[in-house]
Protein backbone atom coordinates (compact mmCIF):
# COMPACT_ATOMS: atom_id res chain seq x y z
CA UNK A 1 106.56 258.36 61.89
CA UNK A 2 105.06 260.52 59.18
CA UNK A 3 104.64 258.65 55.92
CA UNK A 4 106.90 259.56 53.02
CA UNK A 5 106.10 258.39 49.50
CA UNK A 6 109.05 257.00 47.57
CA UNK A 7 108.59 256.09 43.92
CA UNK A 8 111.14 253.73 42.40
CA UNK A 9 110.90 252.60 38.79
CA UNK A 10 112.89 249.50 37.86
CA UNK A 11 112.73 246.94 35.11
CA UNK A 12 111.68 244.02 37.26
CA UNK A 13 108.74 241.89 38.23
CA UNK A 14 107.46 240.24 41.39
CA UNK A 15 107.90 236.49 41.09
CA UNK A 16 105.46 235.55 43.88
CA UNK A 17 107.35 232.36 44.71
CA UNK A 18 110.88 231.60 45.87
CA UNK A 19 112.06 230.10 42.58
CA UNK A 20 115.18 232.01 41.60
CA UNK A 21 115.79 233.02 45.21
CA UNK A 22 116.66 229.56 46.55
CA UNK A 23 120.23 230.64 47.33
CA UNK A 24 118.86 233.15 49.86
CA UNK A 25 116.94 230.55 51.85
CA UNK A 26 119.76 229.68 54.31
CA UNK A 27 120.21 233.33 55.30
CA UNK A 28 116.47 233.70 55.81
CA UNK A 29 116.24 230.52 57.87
CA UNK A 30 119.08 231.66 60.11
CA UNK A 31 117.09 234.84 60.73
CA UNK A 32 113.90 232.80 61.28
CA UNK A 33 115.55 230.65 63.96
CA UNK A 34 117.21 233.63 65.68
CA UNK A 35 113.89 235.50 65.96
CA UNK A 36 111.86 232.57 67.34
CA UNK A 37 110.20 231.71 64.07
CA UNK A 38 108.08 228.95 65.59
CA UNK A 39 106.13 231.57 67.56
CA UNK A 40 105.66 234.10 64.76
CA UNK A 41 102.08 235.17 64.16
CA UNK A 42 102.42 234.14 60.51
CA UNK A 43 105.15 232.05 58.90
CA UNK A 44 103.42 230.49 55.91
CA UNK A 45 105.91 228.89 53.55
CA UNK A 46 109.01 229.49 55.65
CA UNK A 47 111.35 226.50 55.50
CA UNK A 48 109.60 224.90 52.52
CA UNK A 49 111.96 223.15 50.11
CA UNK A 50 109.46 223.70 47.29
CA UNK A 51 110.48 226.92 45.54
CA UNK A 52 106.96 227.30 44.14
CA UNK A 53 105.75 228.09 47.65
CA UNK A 54 105.96 231.75 48.62
CA UNK A 55 107.33 232.73 52.04
CA UNK A 56 105.20 235.09 54.12
CA UNK A 57 106.58 238.64 54.05
CA UNK A 58 109.33 237.89 51.52
CA UNK A 59 109.42 239.45 48.06
CA UNK A 60 111.45 237.68 45.37
CA UNK A 61 111.92 240.00 42.38
CA UNK A 62 112.88 239.08 38.82
CA UNK A 63 115.35 241.32 37.02
CA UNK A 64 114.17 241.34 33.42
CA UNK A 65 117.55 242.50 32.14
CA UNK A 66 119.52 239.39 33.09
CA UNK A 67 116.78 236.99 34.21
CA UNK A 68 118.11 236.72 37.77
CA UNK A 69 115.93 236.88 40.87
CA UNK A 70 116.78 238.41 44.24
CA UNK A 71 115.10 239.05 47.57
CA UNK A 72 114.21 242.76 47.53
CA UNK A 73 111.91 243.08 50.55
CA UNK A 74 111.35 241.42 53.91
CA UNK A 75 108.25 242.75 55.67
CA UNK A 76 107.50 241.13 59.02
CA UNK A 77 105.89 244.10 60.75
CA UNK A 78 103.75 243.23 63.80
CA UNK A 79 104.45 239.51 63.46
CA UNK A 80 105.49 238.58 67.02
CA UNK A 81 109.19 238.24 66.26
CA UNK A 82 111.43 237.82 69.30
CA UNK A 83 115.03 236.82 69.86
CA UNK A 84 117.73 238.91 68.21
CA UNK A 85 118.82 240.16 64.80
CA UNK A 86 121.36 238.24 62.73
CA UNK A 87 124.14 239.30 60.39
CA UNK A 88 122.98 236.73 57.85
CA UNK A 89 120.58 239.16 56.18
CA UNK A 90 123.51 240.99 54.55
CA UNK A 91 123.72 237.94 52.29
CA UNK A 92 120.52 239.21 50.68
CA UNK A 93 122.66 241.34 48.40
CA UNK A 94 119.78 243.13 46.64
CA UNK A 95 117.63 243.79 49.69
CA UNK A 96 115.95 247.20 49.40
CA UNK A 97 113.37 247.21 52.18
CA UNK A 98 113.60 245.61 55.64
CA UNK A 99 110.52 246.17 57.80
CA UNK A 100 110.64 244.67 61.30
CA UNK A 101 108.70 247.22 63.34
CA UNK A 102 106.29 246.47 66.20
CA UNK A 103 107.81 243.19 67.36
CA UNK A 104 109.72 242.00 70.45
CA UNK A 105 113.26 241.80 69.08
CA UNK A 106 116.04 242.55 71.56
CA UNK A 107 119.81 242.96 71.38
CA UNK A 108 121.85 245.30 69.19
CA UNK A 109 121.96 246.16 65.51
CA UNK A 110 124.42 243.86 63.71
CA UNK A 111 127.58 245.76 62.75
CA UNK A 112 127.71 244.02 59.36
CA UNK A 113 124.42 245.60 58.32
CA UNK A 114 126.57 248.51 57.13
CA UNK A 115 127.39 246.24 54.17
CA UNK A 116 123.89 246.52 52.67
CA UNK A 117 124.51 248.07 49.25
CA UNK A 118 120.92 248.67 48.11
CA UNK A 119 118.93 249.04 51.34
CA UNK A 120 116.88 252.25 51.21
CA UNK A 121 114.21 251.51 53.86
CA UNK A 122 114.85 250.17 57.37
CA UNK A 123 112.20 250.01 60.09
CA UNK A 124 113.04 248.45 63.47
CA UNK A 125 110.70 250.69 65.47
CA UNK A 126 108.81 249.54 68.57
CA UNK A 127 111.12 246.71 69.58
CA UNK A 128 113.44 246.13 72.56
CA UNK A 129 116.70 247.00 70.82
CA UNK A 130 119.53 248.75 72.64
CA UNK A 131 123.14 249.80 72.21
CA UNK A 132 124.52 252.64 70.16
CA UNK A 133 123.47 253.71 66.69
CA UNK A 134 126.22 252.47 64.33
CA UNK A 135 128.54 255.29 63.29
CA UNK A 136 129.78 253.52 60.17
CA UNK A 137 126.58 253.34 58.18
CA UNK A 138 127.41 256.34 55.98
CA UNK A 139 127.93 254.06 52.99
CA UNK A 140 124.45 252.53 53.29
CA UNK A 141 122.12 254.24 50.81
CA UNK A 142 119.30 254.58 53.33
CA UNK A 143 116.45 256.97 52.59
CA UNK A 144 113.74 255.94 55.08
CA UNK A 145 114.86 255.03 58.62
CA UNK A 146 112.78 254.36 61.73
CA UNK A 147 114.62 253.49 64.98
CA UNK A 148 111.92 254.94 67.23
CA UNK A 149 110.55 253.44 70.46
CA UNK A 150 113.53 251.32 71.45
CA UNK A 151 116.30 251.78 74.04
CA UNK A 152 119.15 252.96 71.82
CA UNK A 153 121.78 255.04 73.59
CA UNK A 154 125.05 256.74 72.75
CA UNK A 155 125.23 259.71 70.41
CA UNK A 156 123.88 260.43 66.95
CA UNK A 157 126.34 259.59 64.18
CA UNK A 158 127.97 262.59 62.49
CA UNK A 159 128.18 260.60 59.27
CA UNK A 160 124.97 259.28 57.78
CA UNK A 161 123.52 258.72 54.34
CA UNK A 162 122.99 261.96 52.45
CA UNK A 163 120.04 260.30 50.71
CA UNK A 164 117.90 260.53 53.86
CA UNK A 165 114.27 261.51 53.28
CA UNK A 166 112.84 260.48 56.65
CA UNK A 167 114.56 259.54 59.89
CA UNK A 168 112.99 258.86 63.29
CA UNK A 169 115.04 258.35 66.47
CA UNK A 170 112.24 259.35 68.85
CA UNK A 171 111.61 257.68 72.23
CA UNK A 172 115.08 256.30 72.89
CA UNK A 173 117.89 257.15 75.33
CA UNK A 174 120.23 258.95 72.95
CA UNK A 175 122.65 261.48 74.45
CA UNK A 176 125.09 264.05 73.11
CA UNK A 177 124.29 266.89 70.75
CA UNK A 178 122.68 267.38 67.36
CA UNK A 179 125.29 266.73 64.62
CA UNK A 180 126.17 269.88 62.69
CA UNK A 181 126.95 267.72 59.65
CA UNK A 182 123.27 266.82 59.26
CA UNK A 183 122.88 270.17 57.54
CA UNK A 184 123.77 268.22 54.39
CA UNK A 185 120.36 266.46 54.48
CA UNK A 186 119.09 268.59 51.61
CA UNK A 187 116.26 266.23 50.59
CA UNK A 188 114.96 265.35 54.05
CA UNK A 189 111.23 265.74 54.73
CA UNK A 190 110.94 264.34 58.28
CA UNK A 191 113.35 264.25 61.23
CA UNK A 192 112.37 263.39 64.79
CA UNK A 193 114.55 262.91 67.87
CA UNK A 194 111.65 263.47 70.28
CA UNK A 195 111.98 262.18 73.86
CA UNK A 196 115.69 261.50 74.19
CA UNK A 197 118.43 262.96 76.40
CA UNK A 198 120.02 265.30 73.88
CA UNK A 199 121.86 268.40 75.09
CA UNK A 200 123.95 271.08 73.41
CA UNK A 201 122.47 273.80 71.21
CA UNK A 202 120.56 274.08 67.96
CA UNK A 203 123.13 273.95 65.12
CA UNK A 204 123.21 277.13 63.04
CA UNK A 205 124.35 275.00 60.09
CA UNK A 206 120.91 273.37 59.92
CA UNK A 207 119.60 276.46 58.12
CA UNK A 208 120.19 274.56 54.85
CA UNK A 209 118.37 271.38 55.89
CA UNK A 210 115.57 270.19 53.61
CA UNK A 211 116.11 272.85 50.95
CA UNK A 212 115.43 270.36 48.13
CA UNK A 213 112.41 268.71 49.76
CA UNK A 214 108.70 269.38 49.57
CA UNK A 215 108.39 270.49 53.20
CA UNK A 216 110.38 269.69 56.36
CA UNK A 217 108.93 268.43 59.64
CA UNK A 218 111.54 268.88 62.39
CA UNK A 219 110.66 267.49 65.84
CA UNK A 220 113.20 268.04 68.64
CA UNK A 221 110.76 268.05 71.58
CA UNK A 222 111.34 266.65 75.09
CA UNK A 223 115.12 266.86 75.29
CA UNK A 224 117.59 269.06 77.19
CA UNK A 225 118.65 271.27 74.30
CA UNK A 226 119.72 274.72 75.48
CA UNK A 227 121.01 278.00 74.13
CA UNK A 228 119.05 280.43 72.03
CA UNK A 229 117.07 280.09 68.83
CA UNK A 230 119.47 280.51 65.87
CA UNK A 231 118.70 283.71 64.02
CA UNK A 232 119.70 282.19 60.70
CA UNK A 233 117.02 279.51 60.97
CA UNK A 234 114.87 282.12 59.30
CA UNK A 235 116.44 280.63 56.16
CA UNK A 236 114.72 277.25 56.64
CA UNK A 237 112.81 277.83 53.45
CA UNK A 238 110.88 274.54 53.40
CA UNK A 239 109.99 274.19 57.09
CA UNK A 240 106.46 272.82 57.54
CA UNK A 241 106.48 271.99 61.25
CA UNK A 242 109.06 273.02 63.84
CA UNK A 243 108.59 271.53 67.31
CA UNK A 244 111.10 272.64 69.95
CA UNK A 245 108.86 272.31 73.00
CA UNK A 246 109.97 270.94 76.40
CA UNK A 247 113.66 271.85 76.17
CA UNK A 248 115.91 274.41 77.90
CA UNK A 249 115.88 277.08 75.20
CA UNK A 250 116.04 280.72 76.25
CA UNK A 251 115.29 284.02 74.60
CA UNK A 252 115.16 286.30 72.93
CA UNK A 253 112.84 285.35 70.12
CA UNK A 254 114.98 286.20 67.06
CA UNK A 255 114.08 289.46 65.34
CA UNK A 256 115.34 287.88 62.11
CA UNK A 257 112.51 285.33 62.25
CA UNK A 258 110.14 288.17 61.45
CA UNK A 259 111.12 287.62 57.81
CA UNK A 260 111.01 283.83 57.95
CA UNK A 261 111.52 282.75 54.35
CA UNK A 262 109.40 279.59 54.47
CA UNK A 263 107.72 278.68 51.19
CA UNK A 264 104.99 276.66 52.93
CA UNK A 265 102.59 277.30 55.81
CA UNK A 266 104.05 275.91 59.01
CA UNK A 267 103.55 275.31 62.73
CA UNK A 268 105.96 276.66 65.34
CA UNK A 269 105.75 275.07 68.81
CA UNK A 270 108.00 276.40 71.59
CA UNK A 271 105.99 275.38 74.67
CA UNK A 272 107.67 274.76 78.04
CA UNK A 273 111.02 276.45 77.45
CA UNK A 274 112.51 279.07 79.84
CA UNK A 275 112.54 281.67 77.07
CA UNK A 276 111.81 284.55 79.51
CA UNK A 277 111.47 287.40 77.05
CA UNK A 278 108.98 289.77 75.52
CA UNK A 279 107.13 289.24 72.28
CA UNK A 280 109.01 290.93 69.42
CA UNK A 281 107.06 293.72 67.76
CA UNK A 282 108.88 292.90 64.51
CA UNK A 283 106.85 289.69 64.27
CA UNK A 284 103.91 291.22 62.49
CA UNK A 285 101.94 290.74 59.30
CA UNK A 286 103.38 292.34 56.20
CA UNK A 287 101.85 295.55 54.91
CA UNK A 288 100.08 295.40 51.58
CA UNK A 289 102.71 294.93 48.91
CA UNK A 290 105.47 294.79 51.51
CA UNK A 291 108.02 292.14 52.49
CA UNK A 292 106.44 288.88 53.65
CA UNK A 293 106.85 288.13 57.36
CA UNK A 294 106.57 285.16 59.70
CA UNK A 295 102.84 285.78 60.21
CA UNK A 296 102.24 285.34 56.50
CA UNK A 297 103.31 281.70 56.84
CA UNK A 298 102.73 280.55 60.43
CA UNK A 299 99.45 278.65 60.80
CA UNK A 300 100.05 277.64 64.45
CA UNK A 301 102.21 279.48 66.99
CA UNK A 302 102.42 277.98 70.50
CA UNK A 303 104.36 279.67 73.31
CA UNK A 304 102.70 278.19 76.41
CA UNK A 305 104.72 278.02 79.66
CA UNK A 306 107.64 280.05 78.29
CA UNK A 307 107.76 282.67 81.09
CA UNK A 308 106.97 285.47 78.66
CA UNK A 309 106.32 288.92 80.05
CA UNK A 310 105.27 292.34 78.85
CA UNK A 311 102.26 293.15 76.72
CA UNK A 312 100.99 291.84 73.43
CA UNK A 313 102.47 294.11 70.73
CA UNK A 314 99.90 296.25 68.97
CA UNK A 315 101.44 295.10 65.68
CA UNK A 316 100.37 291.50 66.34
CA UNK A 317 97.24 290.81 64.33
CA UNK A 318 96.30 287.34 63.26
CA UNK A 319 94.17 286.98 60.13
CA UNK A 320 94.94 283.27 59.70
CA UNK A 321 96.84 282.00 62.74
CA UNK A 322 95.97 279.91 65.80
CA UNK A 323 97.84 281.00 68.95
């Protein structure tokens, strides 16, 4: 998943030990036992009764306003975790970041994880998780989510946190269609559902996606999405990369995209779709002093294996584009 920088300023300090976070130890130990803690790659400090000993991967943070300490991060990425996930972690009431990617955890996501009040980053990528994506997580204030490279199935939830900056569902077994309600992700910078079993069409409502962000990467490749390219996606003003390759999309290529209103240079990849159309002559560089067009912003345009026919329009000239 593409990295997204999130800056959070709080009046707090890292304690470095577990003193002040002793009440969270039982919940952590339940998780340790459920994920085969004895075979973790690193487990320094886990289970120690001495609060002056830090626990590997656990951050205990001091709140300088009231003097209390809480677990704010658990980072056990690539640490040979197995077993299954436990509901006990919701007892870490101030947990902000839970990073469990690249392990061997199986089973489903605990339903009670919807009760996390402060969790903004969740990474369970590259595990053996399955089952459906919870549909009741709208109240969780998640911003960075990575569920990629598992075996999740079912459909994508219509209701999800509107605080999303980055979300990755790639390489799963998700079915259904793309939720129209995700158009409300105004701040999103990265969305990938690559290599799933999604069908339906491209939602016209997504024209407003990412309007408040710094540039949107949208990866919908290797699915079964059909229909035509929405003409109003020319209004995706912050699109930085749009990958729609290896789907069932058909033509025509929208004339309205000739005036794509992107504010950043972007890549457009449409490979391996049965588009079966001609190249639109309206997609051409703008004349000097004229209205900006798609070729003023596209850095990469890929249309391989799209069953295109006809001739290359005379109007197509490429001063700064790779085709």
